[in-house]
Amino acid sequence: MTRDDALKQLSHIARERAFERHVGSDRLIQAGLNALIAGIESPSLAMLAGLLRSEEPEAPALFDQVLEELGLLFRPPADRRAAKWAMADWVAGQIVDGSLDAAAGTHLIWADIAEDLGYPEELEPLVHCAHNLDGWEESWGVSFEELSREAVETAKQFLNKRSAAQAGS
């Protein structure tokens, strides 16, 4: 793992945790170990990477300390709706860059974001993709891979519209 990969992993996990996704202590410790091996330096990083199984409860606080030291700590918007929109942007970005499977990502947008936001029109195309991927059957005459590619394209369009709307405001 390169230094950039390790920083990206730390940043990704920071967002997962900020958006209240469960991240086990074992993943936090492994990310710390990956970062240490990749040559990243931080006063608390070696402590995080060296935690024993019996010390796992200390991992979340140490992980946050490492993020703070590296300038990677992420805090979502305080407003609940704005935080959900930020999460939608983040998940769509992961679908586009391939770090999150299209079916899993669109399902997350459908179940954890769109529902909480009252199914806004902007998320409808992604929710539609989630329904298609979730209920896909071979008899449909379209491959699962094709539906996945469509979901990636839909996520790109969503991000482009959001970017254009934010630039215009």
C-alpha atoms as a PDB file:
ATOM      1  CA  MET A   1       0.000   0.000   0.000  1.00  0.00           C
ATOM      2  CA  THR A   2       1.358   3.396  -0.976  1.00  0.00           C
ATOM      3  CA  ARG A   3       1.358   6.447   1.278  1.00  0.00           C
ATOM      4  CA  ASP A   4      -1.473   7.965  -0.803  1.00  0.00           C
ATOM      5  CA  ASP A   5      -3.488   4.719  -0.582  1.00  0.00           C
ATOM      6  CA  ALA A   6      -3.067   4.650   3.195  1.00  0.00           C
ATOM      7  CA  LEU A   7      -4.161   8.291   3.541  1.00  0.00           C
ATOM      8  CA  LYS A   8      -7.148   7.599   1.287  1.00  0.00           C
ATOM      9  CA  GLN A   9      -8.071   4.590   3.456  1.00  0.00           C
ATOM     10  CA  LEU A  10      -7.871   6.687   6.640  1.00  0.00           C
ATOM     11  CA  SER A  11      -9.968   9.427   5.051  1.00  0.00           C
ATOM     12  CA  HIS A  12     -12.528   6.905   3.802  1.00  0.00           C
ATOM     13  CA  ILE A  13     -12.912   5.328   7.240  1.00  0.00           C
ATOM     14  CA  ALA A  14     -13.169   8.804   8.790  1.00  0.00           C
ATOM     15  CA  ARG A  15     -16.172   9.519   6.560  1.00  0.00           C
ATOM     16  CA  GLU A  16     -17.741   6.135   7.236  1.00  0.00           C
ATOM     17  CA  ARG A  17     -17.589   6.833  10.951  1.00  0.00           C
ATOM     18  CA  ALA A  18     -18.735  10.444  10.565  1.00  0.00           C
ATOM     19  CA  PHE A  19     -21.786   9.220   8.649  1.00  0.00           C
ATOM     20  CA  GLU A  20     -22.479   6.774  11.494  1.00  0.00           C
ATOM     21  CA  ARG A  21     -21.547   3.614   9.592  1.00  0.00           C
ATOM     22  CA  HIS A  22     -20.186   0.906  11.868  1.00  0.00           C
ATOM     23  CA  VAL A  23     -16.440   0.419  11.585  1.00  0.00           C
ATOM     24  CA  GLY A  24     -14.955  -2.265  13.806  1.00  0.00           C
ATOM     25  CA  SER A  25     -11.915  -1.626  15.949  1.00  0.00           C
ATOM     26  CA  ASP A  26     -10.049  -4.289  13.975  1.00  0.00           C
ATOM     27  CA  ARG A  27     -10.413  -2.181  10.800  1.00  0.00           C
ATOM     28  CA  LEU A  28      -9.253   0.943  12.627  1.00  0.00           C
ATOM     29  CA  ILE A  29      -6.168  -0.843  13.914  1.00  0.00           C
ATOM     30  CA  GLN A  30      -5.449  -2.379  10.481  1.00  0.00           C
ATOM     31  CA  ALA A  31      -5.756   1.031   8.815  1.00  0.00           C
ATOM     32  CA  GLY A  32      -3.305   2.381  11.382  1.00  0.00           C
ATOM     33  CA  LEU A  33      -0.907  -0.457  10.668  1.00  0.00           C
ATOM     34  CA  ASN A  34      -1.237   0.094   6.899  1.00  0.00           C
ATOM     35  CA  ALA A  35      -0.488   3.793   7.360  1.00  0.00           C
ATOM     36  CA  LEU A  36       2.525   3.094   9.562  1.00  0.00           C
ATOM     37  CA  ILE A  37       3.953   0.582   7.066  1.00  0.00           C
ATOM     38  CA  ALA A  38       3.341   3.111   4.246  1.00  0.00           C
ATOM     39  CA  GLY A  39       5.577   5.618   6.042  1.00  0.00           C
ATOM     40  CA  ILE A  40       2.969   7.959   7.479  1.00  0.00           C
ATOM     41  CA  GLU A  41       4.064   9.592  10.706  1.00  0.00           C
ATOM     42  CA  SER A  42       1.855  10.790  13.526  1.00  0.00           C
ATOM     43  CA  PRO A  43       2.448  10.779  17.297  1.00  0.00           C
ATOM     44  CA  SER A  44      -0.495   8.409  17.947  1.00  0.00           C
ATOM     45  CA  LEU A  45      -0.240   6.201  14.871  1.00  0.00           C
ATOM     46  CA  ALA A  46       2.156   3.621  16.341  1.00  0.00           C
ATOM     47  CA  MET A  47      -0.037   3.346  19.439  1.00  0.00           C
ATOM     48  CA  LEU A  48      -3.105   2.669  17.264  1.00  0.00           C
ATOM     49  CA  ALA A  49      -1.288   0.185  15.033  1.00  0.00           C
ATOM     50  CA  GLY A  50       0.117  -1.687  18.029  1.00  0.00           C
ATOM     51  CA  LEU A  51      -3.117  -2.209  19.954  1.00  0.00           C
ATOM     52  CA  LEU A  52      -3.703  -5.751  21.168  1.00  0.00           C
ATOM     53  CA  ARG A  53      -7.083  -7.470  20.951  1.00  0.00           C
ATOM     54  CA  SER A  54      -7.680  -6.739  24.641  1.00  0.00           C
ATOM     55  CA  GLU A  55      -7.047  -3.037  23.924  1.00  0.00           C
ATOM     56  CA  GLU A  56      -9.495  -2.765  20.988  1.00  0.00           C
ATOM     57  CA  PRO A  57     -11.919  -0.522  22.935  1.00  0.00           C
ATOM     58  CA  GLU A  58      -9.202   2.183  22.809  1.00  0.00           C
ATOM     59  CA  ALA A  59      -9.076   2.107  18.984  1.00  0.00           C
ATOM     60  CA  PRO A  60     -11.878   4.610  18.155  1.00  0.00           C
ATOM     61  CA  ALA A  61     -10.427   7.384  20.332  1.00  0.00           C
ATOM     62  CA  LEU A  62      -6.894   6.725  19.085  1.00  0.00           C
ATOM     63  CA  PHE A  63      -8.105   6.627  15.484  1.00  0.00           C
ATOM     64  CA  ASP A  64      -9.743  10.047  15.928  1.00  0.00           C
ATOM     65  CA  GLN A  65      -6.524  11.340  17.487  1.00  0.00           C
ATOM     66  CA  VAL A  66      -4.536  10.099  14.465  1.00  0.00           C
ATOM     67  CA  LEU A  67      -7.025  11.768  12.093  1.00  0.00           C
ATOM     68  CA  GLU A  68      -6.702  15.016  14.052  1.00  0.00           C
ATOM     69  CA  GLU A  69      -2.901  14.859  13.928  1.00  0.00           C
ATOM     70  CA  LEU A  70      -2.922  14.216  10.171  1.00  0.00           C
ATOM     71  CA  GLY A  71      -5.571  16.855   9.435  1.00  0.00           C
ATOM     72  CA  LEU A  72      -7.989  14.210   8.148  1.00  0.00           C
ATOM     73  CA  LEU A  73     -10.745  14.515  10.748  1.00  0.00           C
ATOM     74  CA  PHE A  74     -14.070  14.900   8.949  1.00  0.00           C
ATOM     75  CA  ARG A  75     -17.191  16.339  10.488  1.00  0.00           C
ATOM     76  CA  PRO A  76     -20.407  16.207   8.470  1.00  0.00           C
ATOM     77  CA  PRO A  77     -22.669  19.262   8.463  1.00  0.00           C
ATOM     78  CA  ALA A  78     -24.459  19.761  11.774  1.00  0.00           C
ATOM     79  CA  ASP A  79     -27.817  20.048  10.031  1.00  0.00           C
ATOM     80  CA  ARG A  80     -29.257  16.530   9.671  1.00  0.00           C
ATOM     81  CA  ARG A  81     -30.604  17.091   6.138  1.00  0.00           C
ATOM     82  CA  ALA A  82     -27.358  18.670   4.964  1.00  0.00           C
ATOM     83  CA  ALA A  83     -25.456  15.724   6.469  1.00  0.00           C
ATOM     84  CA  LYS A  84     -27.658  13.267   4.543  1.00  0.00           C
ATOM     85  CA  TRP A  85     -27.001  15.164   1.305  1.00  0.00           C
ATOM     86  CA  ALA A  86     -23.266  15.128   2.047  1.00  0.00           C
ATOM     87  CA  MET A  87     -23.516  11.382   2.597  1.00  0.00           C
ATOM     88  CA  ALA A  88     -25.365  10.983  -0.728  1.00  0.00           C
ATOM     89  CA  ASP A  89     -22.546  12.862  -2.482  1.00  0.00           C
ATOM     90  CA  TRP A  90     -19.930  10.687  -0.767  1.00  0.00           C
ATOM     91  CA  VAL A  91     -21.685   7.402  -1.590  1.00  0.00           C
ATOM     92  CA  ALA A  92     -22.291   8.456  -5.207  1.00  0.00           C
ATOM     93  CA  GLY A  93     -18.603   9.349  -5.484  1.00  0.00           C
ATOM     94  CA  GLN A  94     -17.649   5.879  -4.277  1.00  0.00           C
ATOM     95  CA  ILE A  95     -19.997   4.284  -6.816  1.00  0.00           C
ATOM     96  CA  VAL A  96     -18.365   6.337  -9.573  1.00  0.00           C
ATOM     97  CA  ASP A  97     -14.762   5.618  -8.525  1.00  0.00           C
ATOM     98  CA  GLY A  98     -15.519   1.915  -8.089  1.00  0.00           C
ATOM     99  CA  SER A  99     -14.635   1.744  -4.404  1.00  0.00           C
ATOM    100  CA  LEU A 100     -18.245   0.785  -3.637  1.00  0.00           C
ATOM    101  CA  ASP A 101     -20.261  -1.778  -5.570  1.00  0.00           C
ATOM    102  CA  ALA A 102     -23.095  -0.100  -7.508  1.00  0.00           C
ATOM    103  CA  ALA A 103     -25.756  -2.377  -5.997  1.00  0.00           C
ATOM    104  CA  ALA A 104     -24.554  -1.795  -2.429  1.00  0.00           C
ATOM    105  CA  GLY A 105     -24.149   1.943  -2.978  1.00  0.00           C
ATOM    106  CA  THR A 106     -27.527   2.557  -4.566  1.00  0.00           C
ATOM    107  CA  HIS A 107     -29.153   0.426  -1.868  1.00  0.00           C
ATOM    108  CA  LEU A 108     -27.450   2.571   0.774  1.00  0.00           C
ATOM    109  CA  ILE A 109     -28.757   5.731  -0.904  1.00  0.00           C
ATOM    110  CA  TRP A 110     -32.248   4.243  -1.114  1.00  0.00           C
ATOM    111  CA  ALA A 111     -32.467   2.796   2.396  1.00  0.00           C
ATOM    112  CA  ASP A 112     -30.359   5.182   4.495  1.00  0.00           C
ATOM    113  CA  ILE A 113     -30.556   8.506   2.702  1.00  0.00           C
ATOM    114  CA  ALA A 114     -33.535   8.923   0.355  1.00  0.00           C
ATOM    115  CA  GLU A 115     -35.976   7.578   2.901  1.00  0.00           C
ATOM    116  CA  ASP A 116     -34.731   9.975   5.599  1.00  0.00           C
ATOM    117  CA  LEU A 117     -34.975  12.889   3.145  1.00  0.00           C
ATOM    118  CA  GLY A 118     -38.526  12.001   2.076  1.00  0.00           C
ATOM    119  CA  TYR A 119     -37.492  10.588  -1.325  1.00  0.00           C
ATOM    120  CA  PRO A 120     -36.447  13.826  -3.045  1.00  0.00           C
ATOM    121  CA  GLU A 121     -36.656  14.023  -6.834  1.00  0.00           C
ATOM    122  CA  GLU A 122     -32.862  14.368  -7.168  1.00  0.00           C
ATOM    123  CA  LEU A 123     -32.349  10.888  -5.675  1.00  0.00           C
ATOM    124  CA  GLU A 124     -35.130   9.180  -7.644  1.00  0.00           C
ATOM    125  CA  PRO A 125     -32.854   7.932 -10.463  1.00  0.00           C
ATOM    126  CA  LEU A 126     -30.481   6.334  -7.936  1.00  0.00           C
ATOM    127  CA  VAL A 127     -33.392   4.798  -6.010  1.00  0.00           C
ATOM    128  CA  HIS A 128     -34.711   3.429  -9.321  1.00  0.00           C
ATOM    129  CA  CYS A 129     -31.285   1.838  -9.953  1.00  0.00           C
ATOM    130  CA  ALA A 130     -31.350   0.346  -6.458  1.00  0.00           C
ATOM    131  CA  HIS A 131     -34.775  -1.200  -7.103  1.00  0.00           C
ATOM    132  CA  ASN A 132     -33.593  -2.648 -10.426  1.00  0.00           C
ATOM    133  CA  LEU A 133     -30.389  -4.089  -8.981  1.00  0.00           C
ATOM    134  CA  ASP A 134     -32.142  -5.396  -5.872  1.00  0.00           C
ATOM    135  CA  GLY A 135     -34.899  -7.155  -7.792  1.00  0.00           C
ATOM    136  CA  TRP A 136     -32.948  -8.184 -10.899  1.00  0.00           C
ATOM    137  CA  GLU A 137     -33.896 -11.463 -12.529  1.00  0.00           C
ATOM    138  CA  GLU A 138     -32.215 -13.206 -15.437  1.00  0.00           C
ATOM    139  CA  SER A 139     -35.511 -13.232 -17.354  1.00  0.00           C
ATOM    140  CA  TRP A 140     -35.400  -9.428 -17.706  1.00  0.00           C
ATOM    141  CA  GLY A 141     -33.232  -9.615 -20.824  1.00  0.00           C
ATOM    142  CA  VAL A 142     -30.696  -7.189 -19.392  1.00  0.00           C
ATOM    143  CA  SER A 143     -27.576  -8.264 -17.539  1.00  0.00           C
ATOM    144  CA  PHE A 144     -26.845  -7.369 -13.937  1.00  0.00           C
ATOM    145  CA  GLU A 145     -23.562  -5.854 -15.168  1.00  0.00           C
ATOM    146  CA  GLU A 146     -25.456  -3.586 -17.548  1.00  0.00           C
ATOM    147  CA  LEU A 147     -27.697  -2.411 -14.699  1.00  0.00           C
ATOM    148  CA  SER A 148     -24.568  -1.813 -12.597  1.00  0.00           C
ATOM    149  CA  ARG A 149     -23.000   0.287 -15.370  1.00  0.00           C
ATOM    150  CA  GLU A 150     -26.256   2.248 -15.611  1.00  0.00           C
ATOM    151  CA  ALA A 151     -26.100   2.887 -11.854  1.00  0.00           C
ATOM    152  CA  VAL A 152     -22.527   4.186 -12.160  1.00  0.00           C
ATOM    153  CA  GLU A 153     -23.592   6.524 -14.967  1.00  0.00           C
ATOM    154  CA  THR A 154     -26.609   7.661 -12.917  1.00  0.00           C
ATOM    155  CA  ALA A 155     -24.315   8.402  -9.954  1.00  0.00           C
ATOM    156  CA  LYS A 156     -22.052  10.467 -12.266  1.00  0.00           C
ATOM    157  CA  GLN A 157     -25.055  12.447 -13.499  1.00  0.00           C
ATOM    158  CA  PHE A 158     -26.225  13.008  -9.919  1.00  0.00           C
ATOM    159  CA  LEU A 159     -22.802  14.345  -8.895  1.00  0.00           C
ATOM    160  CA  ASN A 160     -22.577  16.574 -11.987  1.00  0.00           C
ATOM    161  CA  LYS A 161     -26.010  18.087 -11.264  1.00  0.00           C
ATOM    162  CA  ARG A 162     -25.127  18.615  -7.589  1.00  0.00           C
ATOM    163  CA  SER A 163     -21.813  20.213  -8.563  1.00  0.00           C
ATOM    164  CA  ALA A 164     -23.491  22.509 -11.099  1.00  0.00           C
ATOM    165  CA  ALA A 165     -26.190  23.482  -8.581  1.00  0.00           C
ATOM    166  CA  GLN A 166     -23.597  24.268  -5.897  1.00  0.00           C
ATOM    167  CA  ALA A 167     -21.510  26.290  -8.348  1.00  0.00           C
ATOM    168  CA  GLY A 168     -24.577  28.300  -9.279  1.00  0.00           C
ATOM    169  CA  SER A 169     -25.525  29.156  -5.723  1.00  0.00           C
END
